[in-house]
Amino acid sequence: MIRSRLLRSVLIVLLVAGAGLIATPGASYAAPYDGQNPETSGCASTATTPRSASIYVGSVKVGVVQLRYSTACRTVWGRTIAYYSSKGLTQVYRNSDGAYQSCLPFTWVASLGGYSCYTPMLNDAGVTSYATGWAWTSGNTNVGSASTGSYLL
């Protein structure tokens, strides 16, 4: 009788622990996409821009930083568009573990109307992330930066 109660208790603990492992999507869901290119992976085909922030130097808007999100891959990446200079930097950060990705150099993208680069991706399934971008003024004399708000889906 004691032995059967003990066995039943062990089974319940194992079932509960196993259910917890199965039910938590967490960081492992999209982790295979960490560090991958959103364009070549196909994830950019379902991209949205849930957060963005303008970059200023004084009263001059020198660019914009965007947090891009793939609804299919559940990943994020950062993209900065600089209006006056090809000098810039973009980083995307995952709040839960401090992981980040960066990109440079910037190249001219006519469809965006500026110089741009985008970072490799980070998993964003059940965690929050944000992007920070830096852009310089004409002549690369002054730099401005901005960060998007965090995003959770």
C-alpha atoms as a PDB file:
ATOM      1  CA  MET A   1       0.000   0.000   0.000  1.00  0.00           C
ATOM      2  CA  ILE A   2       2.768   2.459   0.913  1.00  0.00           C
ATOM      3  CA  ARG A   3       4.706   1.292  -2.115  1.00  0.00           C
ATOM      4  CA  SER A   4       1.738   1.942  -4.456  1.00  0.00           C
ATOM      5  CA  ARG A   5       1.238   5.452  -3.015  1.00  0.00           C
ATOM      6  CA  LEU A   6       4.915   6.183  -3.513  1.00  0.00           C
ATOM      7  CA  LEU A   7       4.775   4.901  -7.079  1.00  0.00           C
ATOM      8  CA  ARG A   8       1.636   6.960  -7.773  1.00  0.00           C
ATOM      9  CA  SER A   9       3.290  10.095  -6.338  1.00  0.00           C
ATOM     10  CA  VAL A  10       6.393   9.572  -8.473  1.00  0.00           C
ATOM     11  CA  LEU A  11       4.243   9.107 -11.579  1.00  0.00           C
ATOM     12  CA  ILE A  12       2.284  12.289 -10.866  1.00  0.00           C
ATOM     13  CA  VAL A  13       5.495  14.282 -10.390  1.00  0.00           C
ATOM     14  CA  LEU A  14       6.901  12.919 -13.648  1.00  0.00           C
ATOM     15  CA  LEU A  15       3.698  13.678 -15.546  1.00  0.00           C
ATOM     16  CA  VAL A  16       3.524  17.227 -14.227  1.00  0.00           C
ATOM     17  CA  ALA A  17       7.191  17.862 -14.980  1.00  0.00           C
ATOM     18  CA  GLY A  18       6.840  16.372 -18.455  1.00  0.00           C
ATOM     19  CA  ALA A  19       3.747  18.458 -19.199  1.00  0.00           C
ATOM     20  CA  GLY A  20       5.646  21.567 -18.183  1.00  0.00           C
ATOM     21  CA  LEU A  21       8.399  20.758 -20.636  1.00  0.00           C
ATOM     22  CA  ILE A  22       5.953  20.168 -23.453  1.00  0.00           C
ATOM     23  CA  ALA A  23       3.763  23.204 -22.755  1.00  0.00           C
ATOM     24  CA  THR A  24       6.455  25.870 -22.612  1.00  0.00           C
ATOM     25  CA  PRO A  25       7.427  27.136 -26.062  1.00  0.00           C
ATOM     26  CA  GLY A  26      10.025  29.549 -24.653  1.00  0.00           C
ATOM     27  CA  ALA A  27      13.393  30.146 -26.229  1.00  0.00           C
ATOM     28  CA  SER A  28      13.746  26.748 -27.844  1.00  0.00           C
ATOM     29  CA  TYR A  29      10.836  27.224 -30.271  1.00  0.00           C
ATOM     30  CA  ALA A  30      12.627  29.400 -32.833  1.00  0.00           C
ATOM     31  CA  ALA A  31      16.186  29.096 -31.541  1.00  0.00           C
ATOM     32  CA  PRO A  32      17.302  27.398 -34.767  1.00  0.00           C
ATOM     33  CA  TYR A  33      16.822  30.797 -36.446  1.00  0.00           C
ATOM     34  CA  ASP A  34      19.180  32.641 -34.061  1.00  0.00           C
ATOM     35  CA  GLY A  35      21.898  34.276 -36.155  1.00  0.00           C
ATOM     36  CA  GLN A  36      20.271  33.524 -39.507  1.00  0.00           C
ATOM     37  CA  ASN A  37      19.613  36.030 -42.285  1.00  0.00           C
ATOM     38  CA  PRO A  38      15.912  36.984 -42.435  1.00  0.00           C
ATOM     39  CA  GLU A  39      15.990  37.302 -46.238  1.00  0.00           C
ATOM     40  CA  THR A  40      17.729  34.047 -47.172  1.00  0.00           C
ATOM     41  CA  SER A  41      15.824  32.045 -44.524  1.00  0.00           C
ATOM     42  CA  GLY A  42      12.471  33.187 -45.929  1.00  0.00           C
ATOM     43  CA  CYS A  43      11.399  34.706 -42.613  1.00  0.00           C
ATOM     44  CA  ALA A  44      11.326  38.238 -44.089  1.00  0.00           C
ATOM     45  CA  SER A  45       8.393  37.240 -46.286  1.00  0.00           C
ATOM     46  CA  THR A  46       6.083  37.570 -43.244  1.00  0.00           C
ATOM     47  CA  ALA A  47       7.810  40.612 -41.733  1.00  0.00           C
ATOM     48  CA  THR A  48       6.012  43.356 -39.879  1.00  0.00           C
ATOM     49  CA  THR A  49       7.415  46.385 -38.060  1.00  0.00           C
ATOM     50  CA  PRO A  50       5.810  46.362 -34.595  1.00  0.00           C
ATOM     51  CA  ARG A  51       8.164  49.015 -33.153  1.00  0.00           C
ATOM     52  CA  SER A  52      10.199  51.881 -34.599  1.00  0.00           C
ATOM     53  CA  ALA A  53      11.904  55.038 -33.366  1.00  0.00           C
ATOM     54  CA  SER A  54      13.225  58.116 -35.163  1.00  0.00           C
ATOM     55  CA  ILE A  55      16.904  58.987 -34.804  1.00  0.00           C
ATOM     56  CA  TYR A  56      17.750  62.665 -34.321  1.00  0.00           C
ATOM     57  CA  VAL A  57      20.858  64.774 -34.061  1.00  0.00           C
ATOM     58  CA  GLY A  58      19.546  67.955 -32.474  1.00  0.00           C
ATOM     59  CA  SER A  59      16.402  68.797 -34.426  1.00  0.00           C
ATOM     60  CA  VAL A  60      17.511  66.960 -37.604  1.00  0.00           C
ATOM     61  CA  LYS A  61      16.010  63.541 -38.253  1.00  0.00           C
ATOM     62  CA  VAL A  62      18.952  61.471 -39.517  1.00  0.00           C
ATOM     63  CA  GLY A  63      17.304  58.056 -39.598  1.00  0.00           C
ATOM     64  CA  VAL A  64      14.920  55.513 -38.164  1.00  0.00           C
ATOM     65  CA  VAL A  65      15.463  52.217 -36.347  1.00  0.00           C
ATOM     66  CA  GLN A  66      12.928  49.428 -36.734  1.00  0.00           C
ATOM     67  CA  LEU A  67      12.269  46.225 -34.846  1.00  0.00           C
ATOM     68  CA  ARG A  68      11.192  43.748 -37.532  1.00  0.00           C
ATOM     69  CA  TYR A  69       9.164  40.641 -36.647  1.00  0.00           C
ATOM     70  CA  SER A  70       8.425  37.486 -38.649  1.00  0.00           C
ATOM     71  CA  THR A  71       5.001  36.071 -37.870  1.00  0.00           C
ATOM     72  CA  ALA A  72       5.897  32.707 -39.460  1.00  0.00           C
ATOM     73  CA  CYS A  73       9.305  32.229 -37.826  1.00  0.00           C
ATOM     74  CA  ARG A  74       8.571  34.115 -34.564  1.00  0.00           C
ATOM     75  CA  THR A  75      11.863  35.950 -34.838  1.00  0.00           C
ATOM     76  CA  VAL A  76      13.003  39.569 -34.671  1.00  0.00           C
ATOM     77  CA  TRP A  77      15.777  41.565 -36.257  1.00  0.00           C
ATOM     78  CA  GLY A  78      16.786  45.206 -36.268  1.00  0.00           C
ATOM     79  CA  ARG A  79      16.960  47.493 -39.280  1.00  0.00           C
ATOM     80  CA  THR A  80      18.211  51.059 -39.413  1.00  0.00           C
ATOM     81  CA  ILE A  81      17.673  53.449 -42.287  1.00  0.00           C
ATOM     82  CA  ALA A  82      20.133  56.388 -42.324  1.00  0.00           C
ATOM     83  CA  TYR A  83      19.197  59.368 -44.478  1.00  0.00           C
ATOM     84  CA  TYR A  84      22.501  61.270 -44.692  1.00  0.00           C
ATOM     85  CA  SER A  85      25.418  58.878 -44.349  1.00  0.00           C
ATOM     86  CA  SER A  86      26.414  55.287 -44.993  1.00  0.00           C
ATOM     87  CA  LYS A  87      27.946  55.220 -41.529  1.00  0.00           C
ATOM     88  CA  GLY A  88      25.735  53.562 -38.933  1.00  0.00           C
ATOM     89  CA  LEU A  89      25.107  50.574 -36.708  1.00  0.00           C
ATOM     90  CA  THR A  90      22.093  48.445 -35.838  1.00  0.00           C
ATOM     91  CA  GLN A  91      21.712  46.012 -32.943  1.00  0.00           C
ATOM     92  CA  VAL A  92      18.818  43.831 -31.802  1.00  0.00           C
ATOM     93  CA  TYR A  93      18.705  42.593 -28.199  1.00  0.00           C
ATOM     94  CA  ARG A  94      16.780  39.778 -26.502  1.00  0.00           C
ATOM     95  CA  ASN A  95      15.912  40.868 -22.958  1.00  0.00           C
ATOM     96  CA  SER A  96      15.677  37.395 -21.394  1.00  0.00           C
ATOM     97  CA  ASP A  97      19.326  36.416 -21.855  1.00  0.00           C
ATOM     98  CA  GLY A  98      21.111  39.500 -23.241  1.00  0.00           C
ATOM     99  CA  ALA A  99      21.739  37.874 -26.624  1.00  0.00           C
ATOM    100  CA  TYR A 100      22.235  40.355 -29.444  1.00  0.00           C
ATOM    101  CA  GLN A 101      23.062  40.619 -33.132  1.00  0.00           C
ATOM    102  CA  SER A 102      24.660  43.548 -34.999  1.00  0.00           C
ATOM    103  CA  CYS A 103      25.043  44.737 -38.551  1.00  0.00           C
ATOM    104  CA  LEU A 104      27.190  47.078 -40.582  1.00  0.00           C
ATOM    105  CA  PRO A 105      28.145  48.406 -43.101  1.00  0.00           C
ATOM    106  CA  PHE A 106      25.170  50.254 -44.459  1.00  0.00           C
ATOM    107  CA  THR A 107      24.402  50.138 -48.169  1.00  0.00           C
ATOM    108  CA  TRP A 108      22.110  52.322 -50.292  1.00  0.00           C
ATOM    109  CA  VAL A 109      18.586  50.896 -50.618  1.00  0.00           C
ATOM    110  CA  ALA A 110      16.568  53.026 -53.037  1.00  0.00           C
ATOM    111  CA  SER A 111      13.224  51.504 -51.993  1.00  0.00           C
ATOM    112  CA  LEU A 112      13.876  52.661 -48.403  1.00  0.00           C
ATOM    113  CA  GLY A 113      15.213  56.082 -49.394  1.00  0.00           C
ATOM    114  CA  GLY A 114      18.446  55.740 -47.452  1.00  0.00           C
ATOM    115  CA  TYR A 115      21.407  53.686 -46.381  1.00  0.00           C
ATOM    116  CA  SER A 116      20.418  50.591 -44.447  1.00  0.00           C
ATOM    117  CA  CYS A 117      21.463  47.344 -42.852  1.00  0.00           C
ATOM    118  CA  TYR A 118      19.562  44.656 -40.980  1.00  0.00           C
ATOM    119  CA  THR A 119      20.815  42.313 -38.299  1.00  0.00           C
ATOM    120  CA  PRO A 120      20.670  38.535 -38.222  1.00  0.00           C
ATOM    121  CA  MET A 121      17.618  37.213 -36.384  1.00  0.00           C
ATOM    122  CA  LEU A 122      16.900  36.299 -32.781  1.00  0.00           C
ATOM    123  CA  ASN A 123      14.140  34.039 -31.453  1.00  0.00           C
ATOM    124  CA  ASP A 124      11.248  36.080 -30.089  1.00  0.00           C
ATOM    125  CA  ALA A 125       8.825  33.299 -29.159  1.00  0.00           C
ATOM    126  CA  GLY A 126       7.559  34.172 -25.681  1.00  0.00           C
ATOM    127  CA  VAL A 127      10.334  36.667 -24.912  1.00  0.00           C
ATOM    128  CA  THR A 128      10.832  40.401 -25.457  1.00  0.00           C
ATOM    129  CA  SER A 129      13.330  42.097 -27.723  1.00  0.00           C
ATOM    130  CA  TYR A 130      14.202  45.604 -28.907  1.00  0.00           C
ATOM    131  CA  ALA A 131      16.438  47.281 -31.484  1.00  0.00           C
ATOM    132  CA  THR A 132      18.885  50.181 -31.246  1.00  0.00           C
ATOM    133  CA  GLY A 133      20.198  52.134 -34.209  1.00  0.00           C
ATOM    134  CA  TRP A 134      22.868  54.775 -34.732  1.00  0.00           C
ATOM    135  CA  ALA A 135      23.022  57.147 -37.706  1.00  0.00           C
ATOM    136  CA  TRP A 136      25.413  59.973 -38.567  1.00  0.00           C
ATOM    137  CA  THR A 137      24.826  63.383 -40.080  1.00  0.00           C
ATOM    138  CA  SER A 138      26.105  64.421 -43.483  1.00  0.00           C
ATOM    139  CA  GLY A 139      29.908  64.498 -43.348  1.00  0.00           C
ATOM    140  CA  ASN A 140      29.896  61.997 -40.443  1.00  0.00           C
ATOM    141  CA  THR A 141      30.399  64.770 -37.894  1.00  0.00           C
ATOM    142  CA  ASN A 142      27.627  63.945 -35.407  1.00  0.00           C
ATOM    143  CA  VAL A 143      25.792  60.782 -34.447  1.00  0.00           C
ATOM    144  CA  GLY A 144      22.332  60.163 -33.083  1.00  0.00           C
ATOM    145  CA  SER A 145      20.825  57.015 -31.636  1.00  0.00           C
ATOM    146  CA  ALA A 146      17.427  55.670 -30.691  1.00  0.00           C
ATOM    147  CA  SER A 147      15.903  52.441 -29.385  1.00  0.00           C
ATOM    148  CA  THR A 148      12.557  50.885 -30.104  1.00  0.00           C
ATOM    149  CA  GLY A 149      10.330  49.720 -27.323  1.00  0.00           C
ATOM    150  CA  SER A 150      10.386  46.042 -26.410  1.00  0.00           C
ATOM    151  CA  TYR A 151       8.024  43.705 -28.230  1.00  0.00           C
ATOM    152  CA  LEU A 152       6.335  40.536 -26.974  1.00  0.00           C
ATOM    153  CA  LEU A 153       4.043  38.253 -28.916  1.00  0.00           C
END
